[in-house]
Amino acid sequence: MVAACGGDPEPSEQNNNPVILLDENNATQGNNTTANNTVANNTAPNSEEKVNAFGQFDDCPVEARPVYVIDGDSYMLSSFQPDTREFNDVGLIRCPSQDPQATPFSMSVDRDAQAWVLFTSGEIFLVNTTNAECLSTRFQPNNGFALFGMGFVLDSPESDRDVLYIAGGDSGDLSEGSAGLGRVNFAETNYSPIASLQGWPELTGTALGELWGFFPATQPPRVAQIDRLTGEEKTSFPVSGIDGEPNAWAFAFWGGNFYLFYKSHTDPSTRIFELNGKTGNVDEIISDSGRYIVGAGVSTCAPTQQM
């Protein structure tokens, strides 16, 4: 995201098997071709699914397992495979924002391999990760949330449902002050505030029921587990190697480790760091990606164990 972007199980009060109603006649496809206007149905995973030796759910689609990133300059949606350090371009997204100047801001991915992309207009679009097809939803800024980072979290390791958490607030200087933590209410297409956070993080979640945040603008920058009920921080890792004034950052969990996508105002492109989820050690794995990554998303189908 530009200048931005597990805790205890929460009460099961909201509908997390959502059907999002789309605005009429505004569905577009990747590379600016027209698609049929359909209803997006995010189906919860089967409660009988099993985790394999790699910490992945066997019945998850292959497309739901890598990390996805969005380039804020080219609008290119790409997958990123952390173990091989390879990008694979999917296509250019052409989302029908009501604001022609709006750009991608942050992203998360659900277990059906749908990318939920927030634009600077406050609109959320569903993007197909196989062909970059883009569909509108009726999500608009509400309850103090306009721009935010976001991450899906499996409600608990034994659960069969995802919860989408957000961290942000009204548009403004996202590198200072406190963001609000909230969650998405799919049934009402609105956001429910939870607590205040110290800093403006990008979020990622895991199939272990954990919510984590990357706070690049604090001193020192840090990655911290966030309690999903209170917003309090649990385990925290300082991040070395992050320097300069933040310009764009994103965040993803994969294979037991965390991947930090970071660009300062003086960096030529996004740098990528790997933070070891056990030791907290940080390695810069790509110093010049050639990309301007403003959002990263990973589903709870991603492996939970170090490869």
Protein backbone atom coordinates (compact mmCIF):
# COMPACT_ATOMS: atom_id res chain seq x y z
CA MET A 1 0.00 0.00 0.00
CA VAL A 2 1.12 3.55 -0.53
CA ALA A 3 2.44 5.06 2.68
CA ALA A 4 1.05 2.08 4.52
CA CYS A 5 -0.01 -0.53 3.60
CA GLY A 6 -3.43 -14.48 16.01
CA GLY A 7 -5.12 -13.99 18.75
CA ASP A 8 -7.86 -15.59 20.72
CA PRO A 9 -10.81 -16.83 18.67
CA GLU A 10 -13.54 -14.18 18.40
CA PRO A 11 -17.25 -14.78 18.94
CA SER A 12 -18.92 -16.37 15.92
CA GLU A 13 -21.51 -13.65 15.51
CA GLN A 14 -21.00 -12.57 11.90
CA ASN A 15 -21.65 -14.31 8.61
CA ASN A 16 -18.33 -15.36 7.13
CA ASN A 17 -19.73 -17.28 4.21
CA PRO A 18 -20.48 -14.05 2.38
CA VAL A 19 -22.33 -13.29 -0.80
CA ILE A 20 -21.30 -9.83 -1.98
CA LEU A 21 -23.82 -7.96 -4.12
CA LEU A 22 -22.13 -6.22 -7.03
CA ASP A 23 -23.06 -2.90 -8.55
CA GLU A 24 -24.87 -3.33 -11.84
CA ASN A 25 -23.09 -3.16 -15.20
CA ASN A 26 -19.64 -2.38 -13.86
CA ALA A 27 -17.79 -5.70 -14.02
CA THR A 28 -14.63 -5.69 -16.08
CA GLN A 29 -12.04 -8.27 -16.97
CA GLY A 30 -8.24 -8.20 -16.88
CA ASN A 31 -6.57 -6.23 -19.66
CA ASN A 32 -9.73 -4.12 -20.00
CA THR A 33 -12.06 -6.64 -21.66
CA THR A 34 -15.71 -7.01 -20.65
CA ALA A 35 -16.93 -9.82 -18.41
CA ASN A 36 -20.35 -10.98 -17.30
CA ASN A 37 -21.60 -9.31 -14.14
CA THR A 38 -21.92 -12.09 -11.56
CA VAL A 39 -22.33 -12.46 -7.84
CA ALA A 40 -19.16 -13.35 -5.96
CA ASN A 41 -19.62 -16.22 -3.52
CA ASN A 42 -16.82 -16.74 -1.04
CA THR A 43 -17.53 -20.26 0.18
CA ALA A 44 -16.10 -21.33 3.51
CA PRO A 45 -13.78 -24.33 3.44
CA ASN A 46 -15.08 -27.78 4.32
CA SER A 47 -14.76 -28.50 8.03
CA GLU A 48 -13.46 -32.00 7.25
CA GLU A 49 -10.37 -30.75 5.43
CA LYS A 50 -6.99 -31.93 6.69
CA VAL A 51 -3.62 -30.24 6.86
CA ASN A 52 -0.85 -32.05 4.98
CA ALA A 53 2.81 -32.37 5.92
CA PHE A 54 3.56 -28.94 4.50
CA GLY A 55 0.97 -27.19 6.65
CA GLN A 56 -1.38 -26.74 3.68
CA PHE A 57 -5.01 -27.74 3.30
CA ASP A 58 -5.23 -30.53 0.74
CA ASP A 59 -8.51 -29.32 -0.74
CA CYS A 60 -7.39 -25.72 -1.34
CA PRO A 61 -7.04 -24.71 -4.99
CA VAL A 62 -3.47 -24.40 -6.19
CA GLU A 63 -4.13 -20.74 -7.02
CA ALA A 64 -4.85 -19.98 -3.36
CA ARG A 65 -1.43 -21.05 -2.09
CA PRO A 66 1.14 -18.47 -3.25
CA VAL A 67 1.53 -14.85 -2.20
CA TYR A 68 0.03 -12.27 -4.59
CA VAL A 69 1.24 -8.71 -5.08
CA ILE A 70 -0.10 -5.68 -6.92
CA ASP A 71 2.08 -3.04 -8.59
CA GLY A 72 0.85 0.49 -7.94
CA ASP A 73 2.39 1.88 -11.14
CA SER A 74 1.56 -0.74 -13.75
CA TYR A 75 -1.49 -2.31 -12.01
CA MET A 76 0.08 -5.70 -12.67
CA LEU A 77 -1.21 -8.54 -10.48
CA SER A 78 1.50 -11.15 -9.91
CA SER A 79 2.06 -14.21 -7.79
CA PHE A 80 5.20 -14.48 -5.71
CA GLN A 81 6.60 -17.85 -4.66
CA PRO A 82 8.69 -17.23 -1.52
CA ASP A 83 10.67 -20.49 -1.65
CA THR A 84 11.92 -19.85 -5.18
CA ARG A 85 11.87 -16.00 -5.02
CA GLU A 86 10.04 -15.96 -8.36
CA PHE A 87 7.30 -13.68 -9.65
CA ASN A 88 4.69 -14.78 -12.18
CA ASP A 89 2.63 -12.05 -13.79
CA VAL A 90 -1.13 -12.76 -13.97
CA GLY A 91 -2.34 -9.67 -15.80
CA LEU A 92 -3.19 -5.99 -15.54
CA ILE A 93 -6.22 -5.23 -13.43
CA ARG A 94 -8.80 -2.83 -14.85
CA CYS A 95 -11.21 -2.09 -12.01
CA PRO A 96 -14.15 0.28 -12.65
CA SER A 97 -13.54 2.78 -9.88
CA GLN A 98 -15.91 5.71 -9.58
CA ASP A 99 -12.79 7.85 -9.16
CA PRO A 100 -10.65 7.84 -12.33
CA GLN A 101 -7.62 8.92 -10.27
CA ALA A 102 -7.93 6.05 -7.77
CA THR A 103 -5.09 3.54 -7.54
CA PRO A 104 -4.60 0.19 -5.74
CA PHE A 105 -3.86 0.62 -2.05
CA SER A 106 -3.83 -2.78 -0.32
CA MET A 107 -4.88 -6.38 -0.89
CA SER A 108 -5.80 -9.66 0.75
CA VAL A 109 -6.63 -13.08 -0.73
CA ASP A 110 -9.33 -15.53 0.35
CA ARG A 111 -9.39 -19.32 0.22
CA ASP A 112 -11.12 -19.29 -3.16
CA ALA A 113 -8.10 -17.46 -4.62
CA GLN A 114 -10.02 -14.19 -4.92
CA ALA A 115 -7.94 -11.06 -4.32
CA TRP A 116 -9.76 -8.33 -2.40
CA VAL A 117 -8.16 -5.10 -3.61
CA LEU A 118 -8.76 -1.78 -1.87
CA PHE A 119 -8.37 1.36 -3.99
CA THR A 120 -7.53 4.86 -2.74
CA SER A 121 -11.17 5.78 -3.38
CA GLY A 122 -12.18 3.44 -0.54
CA GLU A 123 -13.79 0.98 -2.97
CA ILE A 124 -13.04 -2.75 -2.71
CA PHE A 125 -12.86 -4.93 -5.82
CA LEU A 126 -12.68 -8.70 -6.23
CA VAL A 127 -9.92 -9.74 -8.61
CA ASN A 128 -9.58 -13.24 -10.06
CA THR A 129 -6.01 -14.44 -9.48
CA THR A 130 -5.98 -16.57 -12.63
CA ASN A 131 -6.94 -13.92 -15.20
CA ALA A 132 -7.06 -10.54 -13.38
CA GLU A 133 -10.82 -10.18 -13.96
CA CYS A 134 -12.12 -7.43 -11.69
CA LEU A 135 -15.59 -7.16 -10.13
CA SER A 136 -17.02 -4.35 -8.02
CA THR A 137 -18.47 -4.82 -4.55
CA ARG A 138 -20.65 -2.47 -2.53
CA PHE A 139 -18.05 -1.85 0.14
CA GLN A 140 -17.50 1.89 0.69
CA PRO A 141 -15.79 3.85 3.50
CA ASN A 142 -17.73 3.56 6.77
CA ASN A 143 -17.30 3.59 10.54
CA GLY A 144 -14.02 5.51 10.31
CA PHE A 145 -12.37 3.16 7.82
CA ALA A 146 -11.49 4.49 4.36
CA LEU A 147 -7.92 3.30 3.74
CA PHE A 148 -6.49 0.26 5.49
CA GLY A 149 -4.35 -2.83 5.36
CA MET A 150 -6.12 -6.17 5.57
CA GLY A 151 -5.60 -9.87 6.13
CA PHE A 152 -7.74 -13.00 6.27
CA VAL A 153 -7.34 -15.17 9.38
CA LEU A 154 -8.73 -18.64 9.91
CA ASP A 155 -10.95 -18.20 12.95
CA SER A 156 -9.04 -20.99 14.73
CA PRO A 157 -7.01 -24.03 13.63
CA GLU A 158 -10.17 -26.13 14.07
CA SER A 159 -12.47 -23.63 12.37
CA ASP A 160 -13.99 -23.79 8.91
CA ARG A 161 -14.28 -20.04 8.36
CA ASP A 162 -12.11 -17.03 7.57
CA VAL A 163 -12.38 -13.59 9.15
CA LEU A 164 -11.08 -10.51 7.32
CA TYR A 165 -9.35 -7.99 9.60
CA ILE A 166 -8.46 -4.42 8.65
CA ALA A 167 -6.15 -1.76 10.15
CA GLY A 168 -6.36 1.87 9.12
CA GLY A 169 -8.65 4.87 9.26
CA ASP A 170 -9.65 7.94 7.32
CA SER A 171 -7.40 9.12 4.52
CA GLY A 172 -4.46 11.22 5.70
CA ASP A 173 -0.88 10.76 6.81
CA LEU A 174 -0.73 7.02 7.27
CA SER A 175 2.84 6.97 8.55
CA GLU A 176 2.00 8.69 11.84
CA GLY A 177 -0.44 8.22 14.68
CA SER A 178 -2.66 5.29 15.50
CA ALA A 179 -4.67 3.12 13.17
CA GLY A 180 -7.89 1.45 14.12
CA LEU A 181 -8.24 -2.33 14.11
CA GLY A 182 -11.50 -3.67 12.75
CA ARG A 183 -13.10 -6.59 10.98
CA VAL A 184 -15.25 -6.87 7.90
CA ASN A 185 -18.93 -7.67 8.30
CA PHE A 186 -19.77 -9.33 4.99
CA ALA A 187 -23.48 -9.66 5.68
CA GLU A 188 -23.87 -5.89 6.22
CA THR A 189 -21.00 -4.84 3.90
CA ASN A 190 -19.52 -2.65 6.60
CA TYR A 191 -16.61 -2.55 9.05
CA SER A 192 -16.76 -3.17 12.81
CA PRO A 193 -14.16 -1.28 14.92
CA ILE A 194 -12.28 -3.28 17.56
CA ALA A 195 -9.45 -1.22 19.07
CA SER A 196 -6.68 1.31 18.43
CA LEU A 197 -3.19 0.29 17.34
CA GLN A 198 0.17 1.98 17.87
CA GLY A 199 1.15 2.76 14.31
CA TRP A 200 -0.23 2.03 10.82
CA PRO A 201 0.41 -1.63 9.98
CA GLU A 202 -0.18 -3.82 7.02
CA LEU A 203 -1.78 -7.10 8.11
CA THR A 204 -1.46 -10.78 7.35
CA GLY A 205 -3.19 -13.81 8.82
CA THR A 206 -2.56 -17.51 9.16
CA ALA A 207 -4.39 -20.83 9.25
CA LEU A 208 -3.29 -21.04 12.89
CA GLY A 209 -5.78 -18.31 13.80
CA GLU A 210 -3.09 -15.64 14.22
CA LEU A 211 -3.17 -12.00 13.09
CA TRP A 212 0.14 -10.21 12.48
CA GLY A 213 1.07 -6.64 11.59
CA PHE A 214 4.09 -5.03 9.94
CA PHE A 215 4.78 -1.53 11.32
CA PRO A 216 7.48 0.05 9.12
CA ALA A 217 7.13 3.64 10.36
CA THR A 218 7.81 2.98 14.06
CA GLN A 219 11.24 3.14 15.66
CA PRO A 220 12.41 0.50 15.34
CA PRO A 221 10.18 -1.01 12.65
CA ARG A 222 8.54 -4.17 13.92
CA VAL A 223 6.45 -7.22 13.12
CA ALA A 224 4.01 -8.08 15.89
CA GLN A 225 1.24 -10.54 16.59
CA ILE A 226 -2.00 -8.67 17.33
CA ASP A 227 -4.70 -9.93 19.66
CA ARG A 228 -7.84 -10.08 17.51
CA LEU A 229 -10.15 -9.14 20.38
CA THR A 230 -8.24 -6.33 22.08
CA GLY A 231 -5.65 -5.06 19.58
CA GLU A 232 -2.89 -5.65 22.12
CA GLU A 233 0.46 -6.85 20.83
CA LYS A 234 1.83 -10.24 21.78
CA THR A 235 5.06 -11.54 20.25
CA SER A 236 7.05 -8.76 18.59
CA PHE A 237 10.14 -8.81 16.38
CA PRO A 238 12.23 -5.70 15.62
CA VAL A 239 13.03 -5.45 11.92
CA SER A 240 16.59 -4.57 10.93
CA GLY A 241 17.47 -3.27 7.48
CA ILE A 242 14.31 -1.17 7.07
CA ASP A 243 15.48 2.42 6.63
CA GLY A 244 14.41 5.67 5.03
CA GLU A 245 11.00 7.31 5.04
CA PRO A 246 8.35 4.74 4.10
CA ASN A 247 6.77 5.17 0.69
CA ALA A 248 5.03 1.80 0.12
CA TRP A 249 4.86 -1.45 2.01
CA ALA A 250 3.06 -4.78 2.08
CA PHE A 251 3.19 -7.94 4.17
CA ALA A 252 2.50 -11.68 3.92
CA PHE A 253 2.94 -14.88 5.93
CA TRP A 254 4.03 -18.01 4.09
CA GLY A 255 5.69 -21.26 5.16
CA GLY A 256 6.28 -20.22 8.76
CA ASN A 257 8.04 -16.97 7.79
CA PHE A 258 7.00 -13.40 7.09
CA TYR A 259 7.69 -11.52 3.87
CA LEU A 260 8.05 -7.75 4.04
CA PHE A 261 7.73 -5.70 0.87
CA TYR A 262 9.17 -2.25 1.48
CA LYS A 263 10.10 0.84 -0.51
CA SER A 264 11.41 4.09 0.94
CA HIS A 265 11.17 7.37 -0.93
CA THR A 266 14.77 6.93 -2.09
CA ASP A 267 14.65 3.24 -3.07
CA PRO A 268 14.45 2.65 -6.85
CA SER A 269 11.91 -0.15 -6.32
CA THR A 270 10.46 -2.43 -3.67
CA ARG A 271 12.90 -4.41 -1.53
CA ILE A 272 11.82 -7.77 -0.09
CA PHE A 273 12.80 -9.08 3.34
CA GLU A 274 12.26 -12.50 4.93
CA LEU A 275 11.68 -12.60 8.69
CA ASN A 276 12.15 -16.01 10.28
CA GLY A 277 8.97 -16.79 12.21
CA LYS A 278 10.88 -18.74 14.89
CA THR A 279 14.02 -16.67 15.48
CA GLY A 280 13.04 -13.23 14.24
CA ASN A 281 16.15 -13.06 12.07
CA VAL A 282 15.73 -10.81 9.03
CA ASP A 283 17.35 -11.29 5.61
CA GLU A 284 17.01 -9.03 2.60
CA ILE A 285 16.28 -11.53 -0.17
CA ILE A 286 15.62 -9.13 -3.07
CA SER A 287 17.28 -5.70 -3.03
CA ASP A 288 15.74 -4.31 -6.22
CA SER A 289 12.57 -6.05 -7.39
CA GLY A 290 11.91 -3.67 -10.25
CA ARG A 291 8.36 -3.36 -8.92
CA TYR A 292 6.38 -0.81 -6.95
CA ILE A 293 4.47 -3.16 -4.66
CA VAL A 294 1.62 -1.44 -2.82
CA GLY A 295 -0.27 -4.54 -1.70
CA ALA A 296 0.37 -8.18 -0.93
CA GLY A 297 -2.12 -10.88 -0.09
CA VAL A 298 -1.98 -14.50 0.95
CA SER A 299 -4.81 -16.84 1.83
CA THR A 300 -5.05 -19.12 4.82
CA CYS A 301 -4.32 -21.97 2.38
CA ALA A 302 -0.65 -20.98 2.51
CA PRO A 303 1.67 -23.42 4.28
CA THR A 304 2.14 -22.80 8.00
CA GLN A 305 5.39 -24.71 8.46
CA GLN A 306 8.88 -23.72 7.39
CA MET A 307 9.83 -25.51 4.21
